[in-house]
N, C-alpha and C. Protein backbone atom coordinates (compact mmCIF):
# COMPACT_ATOMS: atom_id res chain seq x y z
N UNK A 1 -0.15 109.19 -89.11
CA UNK A 1 -0.37 109.04 -90.55
C UNK A 1 -0.31 107.58 -90.98
N UNK A 2 0.15 106.71 -90.09
CA UNK A 2 0.16 105.27 -90.37
C UNK A 2 -0.69 104.58 -89.30
N UNK A 3 -2.00 104.52 -89.49
CA UNK A 3 -2.88 104.00 -88.45
C UNK A 3 -2.54 102.58 -87.99
N UNK A 4 -1.99 101.78 -88.89
CA UNK A 4 -1.66 100.40 -88.56
C UNK A 4 -0.19 100.21 -88.18
N UNK A 5 0.54 101.30 -88.06
CA UNK A 5 1.96 101.21 -87.72
C UNK A 5 2.33 102.42 -86.86
N UNK A 6 2.30 102.25 -85.56
CA UNK A 6 2.58 103.34 -84.63
C UNK A 6 4.02 103.32 -84.12
N UNK A 7 4.92 102.74 -84.92
CA UNK A 7 6.31 102.57 -84.47
C UNK A 7 6.97 103.91 -84.15
N UNK A 8 6.80 104.91 -85.00
CA UNK A 8 7.43 106.20 -84.75
C UNK A 8 6.81 106.88 -83.53
N UNK A 9 5.51 106.72 -83.35
CA UNK A 9 4.85 107.29 -82.17
C UNK A 9 5.36 106.64 -80.89
N UNK A 10 5.54 105.33 -80.93
CA UNK A 10 6.09 104.63 -79.76
C UNK A 10 7.52 105.09 -79.48
N UNK A 11 8.27 105.31 -80.52
CA UNK A 11 9.65 105.78 -80.34
C UNK A 11 9.65 107.13 -79.62
N UNK A 12 8.77 108.03 -80.05
CA UNK A 12 8.68 109.35 -79.41
C UNK A 12 8.37 109.20 -77.92
N UNK A 13 7.40 108.37 -77.59
CA UNK A 13 7.03 108.18 -76.18
C UNK A 13 8.19 107.59 -75.38
N UNK A 14 9.00 106.77 -76.01
CA UNK A 14 10.12 106.14 -75.30
C UNK A 14 11.17 107.16 -74.85
N UNK A 15 11.13 108.37 -75.41
CA UNK A 15 12.13 109.39 -75.09
C UNK A 15 11.75 110.18 -73.84
N UNK A 16 10.54 110.02 -73.36
CA UNK A 16 10.09 110.80 -72.21
C UNK A 16 10.92 110.48 -70.98
N UNK A 17 11.25 111.51 -70.21
CA UNK A 17 12.09 111.34 -69.03
C UNK A 17 11.29 111.08 -67.77
N UNK A 18 9.97 111.14 -67.87
CA UNK A 18 9.14 110.92 -66.68
C UNK A 18 8.96 109.44 -66.45
N UNK A 19 9.54 108.92 -65.39
CA UNK A 19 9.44 107.50 -65.08
C UNK A 19 8.32 107.20 -64.09
N UNK A 20 7.81 108.25 -63.43
CA UNK A 20 6.82 108.04 -62.38
C UNK A 20 5.38 108.10 -62.89
N UNK A 21 5.19 108.47 -64.17
CA UNK A 21 3.84 108.55 -64.71
C UNK A 21 3.91 108.48 -66.24
N UNK A 22 2.77 108.25 -66.84
CA UNK A 22 2.71 108.23 -68.31
C UNK A 22 2.93 109.64 -68.84
N UNK A 23 3.67 109.79 -69.95
CA UNK A 23 3.91 111.13 -70.49
C UNK A 23 2.63 111.78 -70.99
N UNK A 24 2.58 113.09 -70.88
CA UNK A 24 1.45 113.87 -71.36
C UNK A 24 1.79 114.42 -72.73
N UNK A 25 1.01 114.04 -73.72
CA UNK A 25 1.28 114.38 -75.12
C UNK A 25 0.22 115.36 -75.60
N UNK A 26 0.66 116.50 -76.11
CA UNK A 26 -0.26 117.53 -76.60
C UNK A 26 -0.13 117.66 -78.12
N UNK A 27 -1.21 117.39 -78.80
CA UNK A 27 -1.27 117.52 -80.26
C UNK A 27 -1.60 118.97 -80.62
N UNK A 28 -0.83 119.53 -81.55
CA UNK A 28 -1.05 120.91 -82.00
C UNK A 28 -1.40 120.89 -83.48
N UNK A 29 -2.68 121.02 -83.84
CA UNK A 29 -3.13 120.88 -85.22
C UNK A 29 -3.30 122.21 -85.96
N UNK A 30 -2.53 123.23 -85.58
CA UNK A 30 -2.71 124.56 -86.16
C UNK A 30 -2.59 124.55 -87.68
N UNK A 31 -1.63 123.77 -88.21
CA UNK A 31 -1.37 123.78 -89.65
C UNK A 31 -2.55 123.30 -90.48
N UNK A 32 -3.44 122.53 -89.86
CA UNK A 32 -4.64 122.05 -90.56
C UNK A 32 -5.87 122.87 -90.16
N UNK A 33 -5.62 124.06 -89.58
CA UNK A 33 -6.68 124.93 -89.08
C UNK A 33 -7.55 124.20 -88.06
N UNK A 34 -6.87 123.48 -87.17
CA UNK A 34 -7.54 122.78 -86.07
C UNK A 34 -8.60 121.80 -86.57
N UNK A 35 -8.27 121.07 -87.61
CA UNK A 35 -9.20 120.10 -88.20
C UNK A 35 -9.71 119.12 -87.15
N UNK A 36 -11.03 119.05 -87.01
CA UNK A 36 -11.63 118.12 -86.05
C UNK A 36 -11.34 116.68 -86.41
N UNK A 37 -11.33 116.37 -87.70
CA UNK A 37 -11.03 115.01 -88.14
C UNK A 37 -9.60 114.63 -87.78
N UNK A 38 -8.67 115.56 -87.96
CA UNK A 38 -7.26 115.31 -87.64
C UNK A 38 -7.11 115.09 -86.13
N UNK A 39 -7.77 115.90 -85.34
CA UNK A 39 -7.72 115.74 -83.88
C UNK A 39 -8.26 114.38 -83.48
N UNK A 40 -9.36 113.96 -84.09
CA UNK A 40 -9.95 112.66 -83.78
C UNK A 40 -8.99 111.53 -84.14
N UNK A 41 -8.31 111.66 -85.28
CA UNK A 41 -7.37 110.61 -85.70
C UNK A 41 -6.18 110.53 -84.75
N UNK A 42 -5.73 111.69 -84.26
CA UNK A 42 -4.64 111.69 -83.28
C UNK A 42 -5.06 110.94 -82.01
N UNK A 43 -6.21 111.28 -81.48
CA UNK A 43 -6.65 110.64 -80.24
C UNK A 43 -6.92 109.15 -80.46
N UNK A 44 -7.44 108.79 -81.61
CA UNK A 44 -7.69 107.38 -81.91
C UNK A 44 -6.40 106.58 -81.90
N UNK A 45 -5.32 107.18 -82.41
CA UNK A 45 -4.03 106.50 -82.42
C UNK A 45 -3.41 106.46 -81.03
N UNK A 46 -3.39 107.59 -80.35
CA UNK A 46 -2.64 107.67 -79.10
C UNK A 46 -3.37 107.06 -77.91
N UNK A 47 -4.67 106.81 -78.04
CA UNK A 47 -5.36 106.12 -76.95
C UNK A 47 -4.92 104.67 -76.84
N UNK A 48 -4.24 104.17 -77.88
CA UNK A 48 -3.71 102.81 -77.87
C UNK A 48 -2.34 102.75 -77.21
N UNK A 49 -1.77 103.89 -76.88
CA UNK A 49 -0.39 103.97 -76.39
C UNK A 49 -0.35 104.39 -74.92
N UNK A 50 0.73 104.08 -74.23
CA UNK A 50 0.84 104.42 -72.80
C UNK A 50 1.16 105.90 -72.59
N UNK A 51 0.14 106.74 -72.66
CA UNK A 51 0.32 108.17 -72.49
C UNK A 51 -1.01 108.81 -72.17
N UNK A 52 -0.96 110.09 -71.80
CA UNK A 52 -2.17 110.90 -71.63
C UNK A 52 -2.19 111.91 -72.76
N UNK A 53 -3.16 111.78 -73.64
CA UNK A 53 -3.21 112.61 -74.85
C UNK A 53 -4.20 113.76 -74.70
N UNK A 54 -3.78 114.93 -75.18
CA UNK A 54 -4.66 116.08 -75.23
C UNK A 54 -4.34 116.86 -76.50
N UNK A 55 -4.98 117.98 -76.71
CA UNK A 55 -4.68 118.79 -77.89
C UNK A 55 -4.87 120.27 -77.57
N UNK A 56 -4.24 121.08 -78.39
CA UNK A 56 -4.30 122.54 -78.22
C UNK A 56 -4.82 123.16 -79.50
N UNK A 57 -6.01 123.77 -79.46
CA UNK A 57 -6.53 124.49 -80.61
C UNK A 57 -6.28 125.99 -80.43
N UNK A 58 -5.89 126.63 -81.51
CA UNK A 58 -5.58 128.07 -81.46
C UNK A 58 -6.52 128.90 -82.31
N UNK A 59 -7.34 128.22 -83.12
CA UNK A 59 -8.20 128.94 -84.06
C UNK A 59 -9.65 128.91 -83.63
N UNK A 60 -10.15 127.73 -83.27
CA UNK A 60 -11.59 127.61 -82.99
C UNK A 60 -11.84 126.59 -81.88
N UNK A 61 -12.06 127.06 -80.65
CA UNK A 61 -11.85 128.44 -80.19
C UNK A 61 -10.42 128.60 -79.69
N UNK A 62 -9.87 129.81 -79.67
CA UNK A 62 -8.52 130.00 -79.13
C UNK A 62 -8.53 129.84 -77.62
N UNK A 63 -7.44 129.32 -77.03
CA UNK A 63 -7.39 129.16 -75.59
C UNK A 63 -7.18 130.50 -74.89
N UNK A 64 -7.55 130.56 -73.64
CA UNK A 64 -7.32 131.79 -72.88
C UNK A 64 -5.82 132.02 -72.71
N UNK A 65 -5.06 130.96 -72.49
CA UNK A 65 -3.62 131.09 -72.29
C UNK A 65 -2.93 129.81 -72.74
N UNK A 66 -2.42 129.76 -73.98
CA UNK A 66 -1.76 128.54 -74.45
C UNK A 66 -0.51 128.20 -73.66
N UNK A 67 0.07 129.18 -72.95
CA UNK A 67 1.28 128.92 -72.18
C UNK A 67 1.01 127.92 -71.05
N UNK A 68 -0.21 127.95 -70.50
CA UNK A 68 -0.56 127.01 -69.44
C UNK A 68 -0.52 125.58 -69.98
N UNK A 69 -1.04 125.41 -71.20
CA UNK A 69 -1.02 124.09 -71.83
C UNK A 69 0.40 123.60 -72.00
N UNK A 70 1.30 124.50 -72.41
CA UNK A 70 2.70 124.13 -72.60
C UNK A 70 3.32 123.67 -71.29
N UNK A 71 3.02 124.35 -70.22
CA UNK A 71 3.61 124.01 -68.93
C UNK A 71 3.11 122.67 -68.40
N UNK A 72 1.92 122.24 -68.83
CA UNK A 72 1.30 121.04 -68.28
C UNK A 72 1.65 119.76 -69.03
N UNK A 73 2.35 119.87 -70.18
CA UNK A 73 2.60 118.70 -71.01
C UNK A 73 4.09 118.42 -71.17
N UNK A 74 4.39 117.18 -71.60
CA UNK A 74 5.78 116.73 -71.73
C UNK A 74 6.24 116.65 -73.19
N UNK A 75 5.30 116.33 -74.07
CA UNK A 75 5.61 116.12 -75.48
C UNK A 75 4.63 116.93 -76.32
N UNK A 76 5.15 117.62 -77.34
CA UNK A 76 4.31 118.43 -78.22
C UNK A 76 4.43 117.89 -79.63
N UNK A 77 3.31 117.41 -80.15
CA UNK A 77 3.27 116.70 -81.43
C UNK A 77 2.52 117.59 -82.42
N UNK A 78 3.24 118.14 -83.39
CA UNK A 78 2.67 119.11 -84.32
C UNK A 78 2.27 118.42 -85.62
N UNK A 79 1.05 118.65 -86.06
CA UNK A 79 0.53 118.01 -87.25
C UNK A 79 0.94 118.71 -88.54
N UNK A 80 0.58 118.10 -89.66
CA UNK A 80 0.90 118.64 -90.96
C UNK A 80 -0.14 119.63 -91.46
N UNK A 81 0.20 120.29 -92.57
CA UNK A 81 -0.71 121.28 -93.15
C UNK A 81 0.07 122.47 -93.67
N UNK A 82 -0.47 123.66 -93.45
CA UNK A 82 0.11 124.90 -93.97
C UNK A 82 1.13 125.46 -92.97
N UNK A 83 2.40 125.28 -93.25
CA UNK A 83 3.46 125.69 -92.32
C UNK A 83 3.49 127.19 -92.14
N UNK A 84 3.40 127.94 -93.23
CA UNK A 84 3.50 129.40 -93.15
C UNK A 84 2.38 129.98 -92.29
N UNK A 85 1.16 129.53 -92.52
CA UNK A 85 0.03 130.03 -91.74
C UNK A 85 0.16 129.62 -90.28
N UNK A 86 0.59 128.40 -90.04
CA UNK A 86 0.76 127.92 -88.68
C UNK A 86 1.75 128.80 -87.90
N UNK A 87 2.89 129.09 -88.50
CA UNK A 87 3.91 129.89 -87.83
C UNK A 87 3.41 131.31 -87.55
N UNK A 88 2.65 131.86 -88.46
CA UNK A 88 2.09 133.20 -88.25
C UNK A 88 1.16 133.22 -87.04
N UNK A 89 0.34 132.19 -86.91
CA UNK A 89 -0.58 132.10 -85.77
C UNK A 89 0.20 131.91 -84.47
N UNK A 90 1.20 131.05 -84.49
CA UNK A 90 2.02 130.85 -83.30
C UNK A 90 2.68 132.14 -82.84
N UNK A 91 3.21 132.90 -83.80
CA UNK A 91 3.91 134.14 -83.44
C UNK A 91 2.95 135.17 -82.87
N UNK A 92 1.73 135.20 -83.38
CA UNK A 92 0.76 136.16 -82.87
C UNK A 92 0.38 135.88 -81.42
N UNK A 93 0.30 134.62 -81.07
CA UNK A 93 -0.14 134.28 -79.71
C UNK A 93 1.01 133.96 -78.76
N UNK A 94 2.26 133.97 -79.28
CA UNK A 94 3.41 133.72 -78.44
C UNK A 94 3.72 132.25 -78.22
N UNK A 95 3.06 131.36 -78.95
CA UNK A 95 3.33 129.94 -78.77
C UNK A 95 4.74 129.58 -79.23
N UNK A 96 5.28 130.29 -80.21
CA UNK A 96 6.64 130.01 -80.65
C UNK A 96 7.64 130.18 -79.51
N UNK A 97 7.47 131.22 -78.71
CA UNK A 97 8.37 131.46 -77.59
C UNK A 97 8.16 130.43 -76.48
N UNK A 98 6.91 130.06 -76.26
CA UNK A 98 6.61 129.05 -75.23
C UNK A 98 7.21 127.70 -75.60
N UNK A 99 7.14 127.32 -76.87
CA UNK A 99 7.71 126.06 -77.32
C UNK A 99 9.23 126.09 -77.27
N UNK A 100 9.80 127.25 -77.55
CA UNK A 100 11.25 127.38 -77.44
C UNK A 100 11.71 127.15 -76.01
N UNK A 101 10.98 127.72 -75.06
CA UNK A 101 11.31 127.52 -73.65
C UNK A 101 11.12 126.07 -73.25
N UNK A 102 10.05 125.44 -73.75
CA UNK A 102 9.82 124.03 -73.45
C UNK A 102 10.98 123.17 -73.95
N UNK A 103 11.42 123.45 -75.15
CA UNK A 103 12.54 122.71 -75.75
C UNK A 103 13.81 122.89 -74.93
N UNK A 104 14.08 124.10 -74.50
CA UNK A 104 15.30 124.38 -73.74
C UNK A 104 15.29 123.73 -72.36
N UNK A 105 14.10 123.43 -71.84
CA UNK A 105 14.01 122.77 -70.54
C UNK A 105 13.91 121.25 -70.67
N UNK A 106 14.06 120.73 -71.88
CA UNK A 106 14.13 119.29 -72.07
C UNK A 106 12.85 118.61 -72.48
N UNK A 107 11.80 119.38 -72.75
CA UNK A 107 10.58 118.76 -73.25
C UNK A 107 10.76 118.38 -74.72
N UNK A 108 9.92 117.48 -75.19
CA UNK A 108 10.09 116.91 -76.53
C UNK A 108 9.19 117.62 -77.53
N UNK A 109 9.80 118.09 -78.61
CA UNK A 109 9.06 118.70 -79.72
C UNK A 109 9.18 117.77 -80.92
N UNK A 110 8.06 117.47 -81.56
CA UNK A 110 8.11 116.56 -82.69
C UNK A 110 6.95 116.86 -83.62
N UNK A 111 6.88 116.13 -84.72
CA UNK A 111 5.77 116.34 -85.63
C UNK A 111 6.05 115.76 -87.00
N UNK A 112 5.06 115.88 -87.85
CA UNK A 112 5.17 115.36 -89.21
C UNK A 112 4.92 116.48 -90.21
N UNK A 113 5.61 116.43 -91.34
CA UNK A 113 5.43 117.40 -92.42
C UNK A 113 5.67 118.82 -91.89
N UNK A 114 4.65 119.66 -91.84
CA UNK A 114 4.83 121.00 -91.27
C UNK A 114 5.38 120.93 -89.86
N UNK A 115 4.94 119.93 -89.10
CA UNK A 115 5.39 119.76 -87.72
C UNK A 115 6.79 119.22 -87.59
N UNK A 116 7.38 118.78 -88.69
CA UNK A 116 8.78 118.32 -88.68
C UNK A 116 9.73 119.43 -89.12
N UNK A 117 9.32 120.25 -90.07
CA UNK A 117 10.23 121.25 -90.64
C UNK A 117 10.20 122.58 -89.93
N UNK A 118 9.15 122.83 -89.14
CA UNK A 118 9.00 124.15 -88.53
C UNK A 118 10.14 124.48 -87.57
N UNK A 119 10.83 123.48 -87.04
CA UNK A 119 11.88 123.71 -86.05
C UNK A 119 13.18 124.21 -86.67
N UNK A 120 13.36 124.04 -87.98
CA UNK A 120 14.60 124.42 -88.65
C UNK A 120 14.64 125.92 -88.95
N UNK A 121 15.81 126.40 -89.36
CA UNK A 121 15.94 127.81 -89.78
C UNK A 121 15.11 128.07 -91.02
N UNK A 122 15.15 127.12 -91.96
CA UNK A 122 14.43 127.24 -93.22
C UNK A 122 13.82 125.90 -93.58
N UNK A 123 12.90 125.93 -94.53
CA UNK A 123 12.30 124.69 -95.01
C UNK A 123 11.95 124.83 -96.48
N UNK A 124 11.82 123.70 -97.13
CA UNK A 124 11.24 123.64 -98.47
C UNK A 124 9.77 123.32 -98.26
N UNK A 125 8.90 124.24 -98.64
CA UNK A 125 7.48 124.14 -98.26
C UNK A 125 6.57 124.46 -99.44
N UNK A 126 5.38 123.85 -99.42
CA UNK A 126 4.36 124.18 -100.42
C UNK A 126 3.35 125.17 -99.87
N UNK A 127 3.66 125.82 -98.74
CA UNK A 127 2.71 126.75 -98.12
C UNK A 127 2.96 128.21 -98.48
N UNK A 128 4.04 128.48 -99.21
CA UNK A 128 4.34 129.86 -99.62
C UNK A 128 3.46 130.25 -100.80
N UNK A 129 3.45 129.42 -101.82
CA UNK A 129 2.58 129.58 -102.99
C UNK A 129 1.89 128.24 -103.21
N UNK A 130 0.57 128.24 -103.23
CA UNK A 130 -0.17 126.99 -103.35
C UNK A 130 0.21 126.24 -104.61
N UNK A 131 0.52 124.97 -104.45
CA UNK A 131 0.85 124.13 -105.59
C UNK A 131 2.29 124.21 -106.02
N UNK A 132 3.11 125.03 -105.32
CA UNK A 132 4.52 125.17 -105.67
C UNK A 132 5.39 124.97 -104.43
N UNK A 133 6.66 124.70 -104.64
CA UNK A 133 7.61 124.51 -103.55
C UNK A 133 8.59 125.67 -103.52
N UNK A 134 8.74 126.27 -102.33
CA UNK A 134 9.63 127.42 -102.17
C UNK A 134 10.27 127.39 -100.79
N UNK A 135 11.37 128.14 -100.60
CA UNK A 135 11.96 128.26 -99.26
C UNK A 135 11.02 129.03 -98.34
N UNK A 136 11.07 128.67 -97.04
CA UNK A 136 10.26 129.33 -96.03
C UNK A 136 11.10 129.50 -94.77
N UNK A 137 11.09 130.71 -94.22
CA UNK A 137 11.78 130.94 -92.95
C UNK A 137 10.96 130.33 -91.82
N UNK A 138 11.64 129.56 -90.95
CA UNK A 138 10.95 128.87 -89.87
C UNK A 138 11.46 129.34 -88.51
N UNK A 139 11.33 128.52 -87.47
CA UNK A 139 11.60 128.97 -86.11
C UNK A 139 13.08 129.11 -85.78
N UNK A 140 13.91 128.28 -86.39
CA UNK A 140 15.35 128.41 -86.15
C UNK A 140 15.85 127.73 -84.89
N UNK A 141 15.08 126.83 -84.29
CA UNK A 141 15.59 126.07 -83.15
C UNK A 141 16.74 125.17 -83.61
N UNK A 142 16.58 124.56 -84.79
CA UNK A 142 17.60 123.70 -85.38
C UNK A 142 18.25 124.41 -86.55
N UNK A 143 19.56 124.27 -86.72
CA UNK A 143 20.24 124.94 -87.83
C UNK A 143 19.94 124.28 -89.16
N UNK A 144 20.00 125.07 -90.23
CA UNK A 144 19.89 124.53 -91.57
C UNK A 144 18.47 124.46 -92.10
N UNK A 145 18.32 123.63 -93.13
CA UNK A 145 17.07 123.52 -93.89
C UNK A 145 16.46 122.14 -93.72
N UNK A 146 15.15 122.10 -93.59
CA UNK A 146 14.44 120.82 -93.54
C UNK A 146 13.55 120.65 -94.76
N UNK A 147 13.55 119.46 -95.32
CA UNK A 147 12.69 119.17 -96.47
C UNK A 147 11.99 117.84 -96.23
N UNK A 148 10.67 117.86 -95.98
CA UNK A 148 9.94 116.61 -95.75
C UNK A 148 9.52 115.96 -97.06
N UNK A 149 8.96 114.77 -96.97
CA UNK A 149 8.41 114.07 -98.15
C UNK A 149 9.47 114.00 -99.26
N UNK A 150 10.70 113.73 -98.85
CA UNK A 150 11.82 113.84 -99.79
C UNK A 150 11.73 112.83 -100.92
N UNK A 151 10.98 111.76 -100.70
CA UNK A 151 10.83 110.74 -101.74
C UNK A 151 9.63 110.99 -102.63
N UNK A 152 8.99 112.14 -102.49
CA UNK A 152 7.88 112.50 -103.36
C UNK A 152 8.37 113.39 -104.51
N UNK A 153 7.66 113.35 -105.63
CA UNK A 153 8.06 114.05 -106.84
C UNK A 153 8.24 115.54 -106.58
N UNK A 154 9.40 116.07 -106.98
CA UNK A 154 9.67 117.50 -106.93
C UNK A 154 10.38 117.99 -105.68
N UNK A 155 10.31 117.25 -104.59
CA UNK A 155 10.91 117.73 -103.33
C UNK A 155 12.43 117.76 -103.41
N UNK A 156 13.02 116.63 -103.80
CA UNK A 156 14.47 116.56 -103.90
C UNK A 156 14.99 117.59 -104.90
N UNK A 157 14.35 117.68 -106.05
CA UNK A 157 14.81 118.58 -107.11
C UNK A 157 14.74 120.04 -106.66
N UNK A 158 13.69 120.40 -105.94
CA UNK A 158 13.55 121.79 -105.48
C UNK A 158 14.60 122.12 -104.43
N UNK A 159 14.84 121.21 -103.50
CA UNK A 159 15.87 121.44 -102.48
C UNK A 159 17.22 121.65 -103.16
N UNK A 160 17.57 120.79 -104.09
CA UNK A 160 18.85 120.91 -104.79
C UNK A 160 18.94 122.25 -105.53
N UNK A 161 17.88 122.63 -106.21
CA UNK A 161 17.90 123.87 -106.99
C UNK A 161 18.04 125.09 -106.08
N UNK A 162 17.29 125.11 -104.97
CA UNK A 162 17.36 126.24 -104.04
C UNK A 162 18.73 126.32 -103.37
N UNK A 163 19.29 125.18 -103.06
CA UNK A 163 20.62 125.15 -102.44
C UNK A 163 21.68 125.66 -103.41
N UNK A 164 21.62 125.22 -104.65
CA UNK A 164 22.60 125.65 -105.66
C UNK A 164 22.48 127.14 -105.94
N UNK A 165 21.27 127.69 -105.83
CA UNK A 165 21.05 129.11 -106.09
C UNK A 165 21.38 129.98 -104.87
N UNK A 166 21.69 129.37 -103.76
CA UNK A 166 22.01 130.13 -102.56
C UNK A 166 20.80 130.63 -101.80
N UNK A 167 19.62 130.07 -102.09
CA UNK A 167 18.40 130.52 -101.43
C UNK A 167 18.16 129.84 -100.08
N UNK A 168 18.80 128.70 -99.86
CA UNK A 168 18.72 128.00 -98.58
C UNK A 168 20.11 127.48 -98.24
N UNK A 169 20.29 127.12 -96.98
CA UNK A 169 21.53 126.50 -96.55
C UNK A 169 21.44 124.99 -96.58
N UNK A 170 22.53 124.34 -96.24
CA UNK A 170 22.56 122.88 -96.16
C UNK A 170 21.55 122.39 -95.13
N UNK A 171 21.15 121.14 -95.25
CA UNK A 171 20.18 120.61 -94.29
C UNK A 171 19.85 119.16 -94.58
N UNK A 172 18.59 118.80 -94.34
CA UNK A 172 18.19 117.40 -94.39
C UNK A 172 16.95 117.20 -95.25
N UNK A 173 17.02 116.17 -96.09
CA UNK A 173 15.85 115.68 -96.81
C UNK A 173 15.41 114.41 -96.13
N UNK A 174 14.13 114.31 -95.79
CA UNK A 174 13.63 113.18 -95.01
C UNK A 174 12.49 112.49 -95.75
N UNK A 175 12.67 111.22 -96.05
CA UNK A 175 11.62 110.45 -96.71
C UNK A 175 10.40 110.30 -95.80
N UNK A 176 9.26 110.02 -96.40
CA UNK A 176 8.10 109.63 -95.62
C UNK A 176 8.44 108.37 -94.82
N UNK A 177 7.98 108.31 -93.59
CA UNK A 177 8.19 107.18 -92.68
C UNK A 177 9.60 107.12 -92.10
N UNK A 178 10.37 108.18 -92.28
CA UNK A 178 11.68 108.30 -91.62
C UNK A 178 11.64 109.51 -90.70
N UNK A 179 12.51 109.52 -89.70
CA UNK A 179 12.53 110.63 -88.73
C UNK A 179 13.94 110.88 -88.24
N UNK A 180 14.21 112.17 -87.98
CA UNK A 180 15.46 112.59 -87.37
C UNK A 180 15.23 112.83 -85.89
N UNK A 181 16.15 112.37 -85.07
CA UNK A 181 16.07 112.58 -83.62
C UNK A 181 17.24 113.45 -83.19
N UNK A 182 16.91 114.66 -82.72
CA UNK A 182 17.91 115.60 -82.22
C UNK A 182 17.84 115.67 -80.71
N UNK A 183 19.00 115.81 -80.08
CA UNK A 183 19.07 116.20 -78.67
C UNK A 183 19.72 117.58 -78.66
N UNK A 184 18.96 118.60 -78.27
CA UNK A 184 19.43 119.96 -78.50
C UNK A 184 19.52 120.17 -80.00
N UNK A 185 20.69 120.57 -80.47
CA UNK A 185 20.88 120.74 -81.92
C UNK A 185 21.73 119.62 -82.50
N UNK A 186 22.00 118.59 -81.73
CA UNK A 186 22.85 117.48 -82.17
C UNK A 186 21.99 116.33 -82.68
N UNK A 187 22.20 115.92 -83.93
CA UNK A 187 21.51 114.77 -84.48
C UNK A 187 22.09 113.50 -83.87
N UNK A 188 21.24 112.72 -83.19
CA UNK A 188 21.73 111.53 -82.49
C UNK A 188 21.19 110.23 -83.07
N UNK A 189 20.14 110.29 -83.87
CA UNK A 189 19.57 109.05 -84.38
C UNK A 189 18.71 109.33 -85.60
N UNK A 190 18.59 108.32 -86.44
CA UNK A 190 17.66 108.32 -87.57
C UNK A 190 16.85 107.04 -87.47
N UNK A 191 15.55 107.16 -87.46
CA UNK A 191 14.70 105.97 -87.34
C UNK A 191 13.71 105.93 -88.49
N UNK A 192 13.26 104.73 -88.81
CA UNK A 192 12.31 104.56 -89.91
C UNK A 192 11.30 103.50 -89.56
N UNK A 193 10.06 103.71 -89.98
CA UNK A 193 9.00 102.75 -89.69
C UNK A 193 8.72 101.82 -90.86
N UNK A 194 9.46 101.95 -91.94
CA UNK A 194 9.33 101.02 -93.05
C UNK A 194 10.69 100.84 -93.70
N UNK A 195 10.95 99.67 -94.29
CA UNK A 195 12.23 99.44 -94.96
C UNK A 195 12.44 100.42 -96.11
N UNK A 196 13.66 100.90 -96.23
CA UNK A 196 14.01 101.77 -97.34
C UNK A 196 13.79 103.25 -97.11
N UNK A 197 13.08 103.64 -96.04
CA UNK A 197 12.88 105.06 -95.75
C UNK A 197 14.17 105.61 -95.16
N UNK A 198 14.62 106.76 -95.68
CA UNK A 198 15.93 107.28 -95.28
C UNK A 198 15.88 108.80 -95.07
N UNK A 199 16.94 109.28 -94.47
CA UNK A 199 17.17 110.71 -94.35
C UNK A 199 18.53 111.01 -94.98
N UNK A 200 18.64 112.20 -95.55
CA UNK A 200 19.85 112.57 -96.28
C UNK A 200 20.35 113.94 -95.81
N UNK A 201 21.67 114.06 -95.71
CA UNK A 201 22.25 115.39 -95.51
C UNK A 201 22.55 115.95 -96.89
N UNK A 202 22.05 117.14 -97.15
CA UNK A 202 22.18 117.76 -98.46
C UNK A 202 22.98 119.04 -98.29
N UNK A 203 24.07 119.17 -99.03
CA UNK A 203 24.98 120.31 -98.86
C UNK A 203 25.58 120.71 -100.20
N UNK A 204 26.18 121.88 -100.23
CA UNK A 204 26.87 122.39 -101.41
C UNK A 204 28.37 122.27 -101.16
N UNK A 205 29.05 121.49 -101.97
CA UNK A 205 30.48 121.25 -101.80
C UNK A 205 31.18 121.60 -103.10
N UNK A 206 32.04 122.60 -103.04
CA UNK A 206 32.77 123.06 -104.23
C UNK A 206 31.82 123.37 -105.39
N UNK A 207 30.71 124.00 -105.02
CA UNK A 207 29.75 124.42 -106.03
C UNK A 207 28.82 123.34 -106.53
N UNK A 208 28.94 122.13 -105.99
CA UNK A 208 28.10 121.02 -106.42
C UNK A 208 27.24 120.53 -105.26
N UNK A 209 25.97 120.23 -105.55
CA UNK A 209 25.08 119.69 -104.53
C UNK A 209 25.46 118.23 -104.25
N UNK A 210 25.69 117.93 -102.99
CA UNK A 210 25.98 116.55 -102.59
C UNK A 210 24.89 116.05 -101.66
N UNK A 211 24.62 114.77 -101.72
CA UNK A 211 23.56 114.16 -100.93
C UNK A 211 24.12 112.88 -100.31
N UNK A 212 24.06 112.82 -98.98
CA UNK A 212 24.63 111.70 -98.25
C UNK A 212 23.59 111.09 -97.32
N UNK A 213 23.43 109.78 -97.39
CA UNK A 213 22.53 109.11 -96.45
C UNK A 213 23.05 109.33 -95.04
N UNK A 214 22.18 109.78 -94.16
CA UNK A 214 22.59 110.07 -92.78
C UNK A 214 22.60 108.76 -92.00
N UNK A 215 23.72 108.50 -91.37
CA UNK A 215 23.84 107.33 -90.50
C UNK A 215 24.41 107.76 -89.17
N UNK A 216 23.81 107.25 -88.10
CA UNK A 216 24.32 107.50 -86.77
C UNK A 216 24.53 106.15 -86.10
N UNK A 217 25.10 106.15 -84.91
CA UNK A 217 25.32 104.89 -84.20
C UNK A 217 24.01 104.17 -83.93
N UNK A 218 22.94 104.95 -83.78
CA UNK A 218 21.65 104.34 -83.48
C UNK A 218 20.75 104.17 -84.68
N UNK A 219 21.26 104.43 -85.87
CA UNK A 219 20.43 104.35 -87.07
C UNK A 219 19.70 103.01 -87.13
N UNK A 220 18.37 103.07 -87.26
CA UNK A 220 17.63 101.81 -87.13
C UNK A 220 16.25 101.91 -87.78
N UNK A 221 15.74 100.73 -88.13
CA UNK A 221 14.33 100.60 -88.48
C UNK A 221 13.62 100.10 -87.23
N UNK A 222 12.44 100.63 -86.98
CA UNK A 222 11.73 100.28 -85.74
C UNK A 222 10.37 99.67 -86.03
């Protein structure tokens, strides 16, 4: 999403455990209905980086066996778009289970927008009702609630309101150009590709919504 700033993409590649070859990165554009333009932009960006880039389309045309693609790659980069529709497609073809197995064996799952929040138990999403923000049940690999684009109008307010009403649990609000890095379910780092981009832990304490800037030992701008 930042064609002139691939800092977050480089950070993701730096996490690969394969030292004997370039990591294999698979872009999953389901949330954008396998947009050809989005796929082209992904390849245009990642061809500049030390990796082998490919993509997995599930809509047009669907693969014979997406599980084979999962087994052949090291990093899975999920694009933005309609989170609810994306998860429904994944569940129909079993990709949700394949990605869960990949994660448990140490492969890297990442993404932006829909591709960032899908891993949590719940999310604040605009894919439930078009033009509105509502809670959405997600994959549940990570505990709590994820809210992307936290510095955009309405996101913070909706997360706070849903949390106070008991519709979602505590979780994280993440500004554009910021990212959370988990190992398993443990948050180990927060990185940002521009000054001022932050992530926040949002929780209900004694009936009041509290918001705390997340800091870890590795908290950094890259």
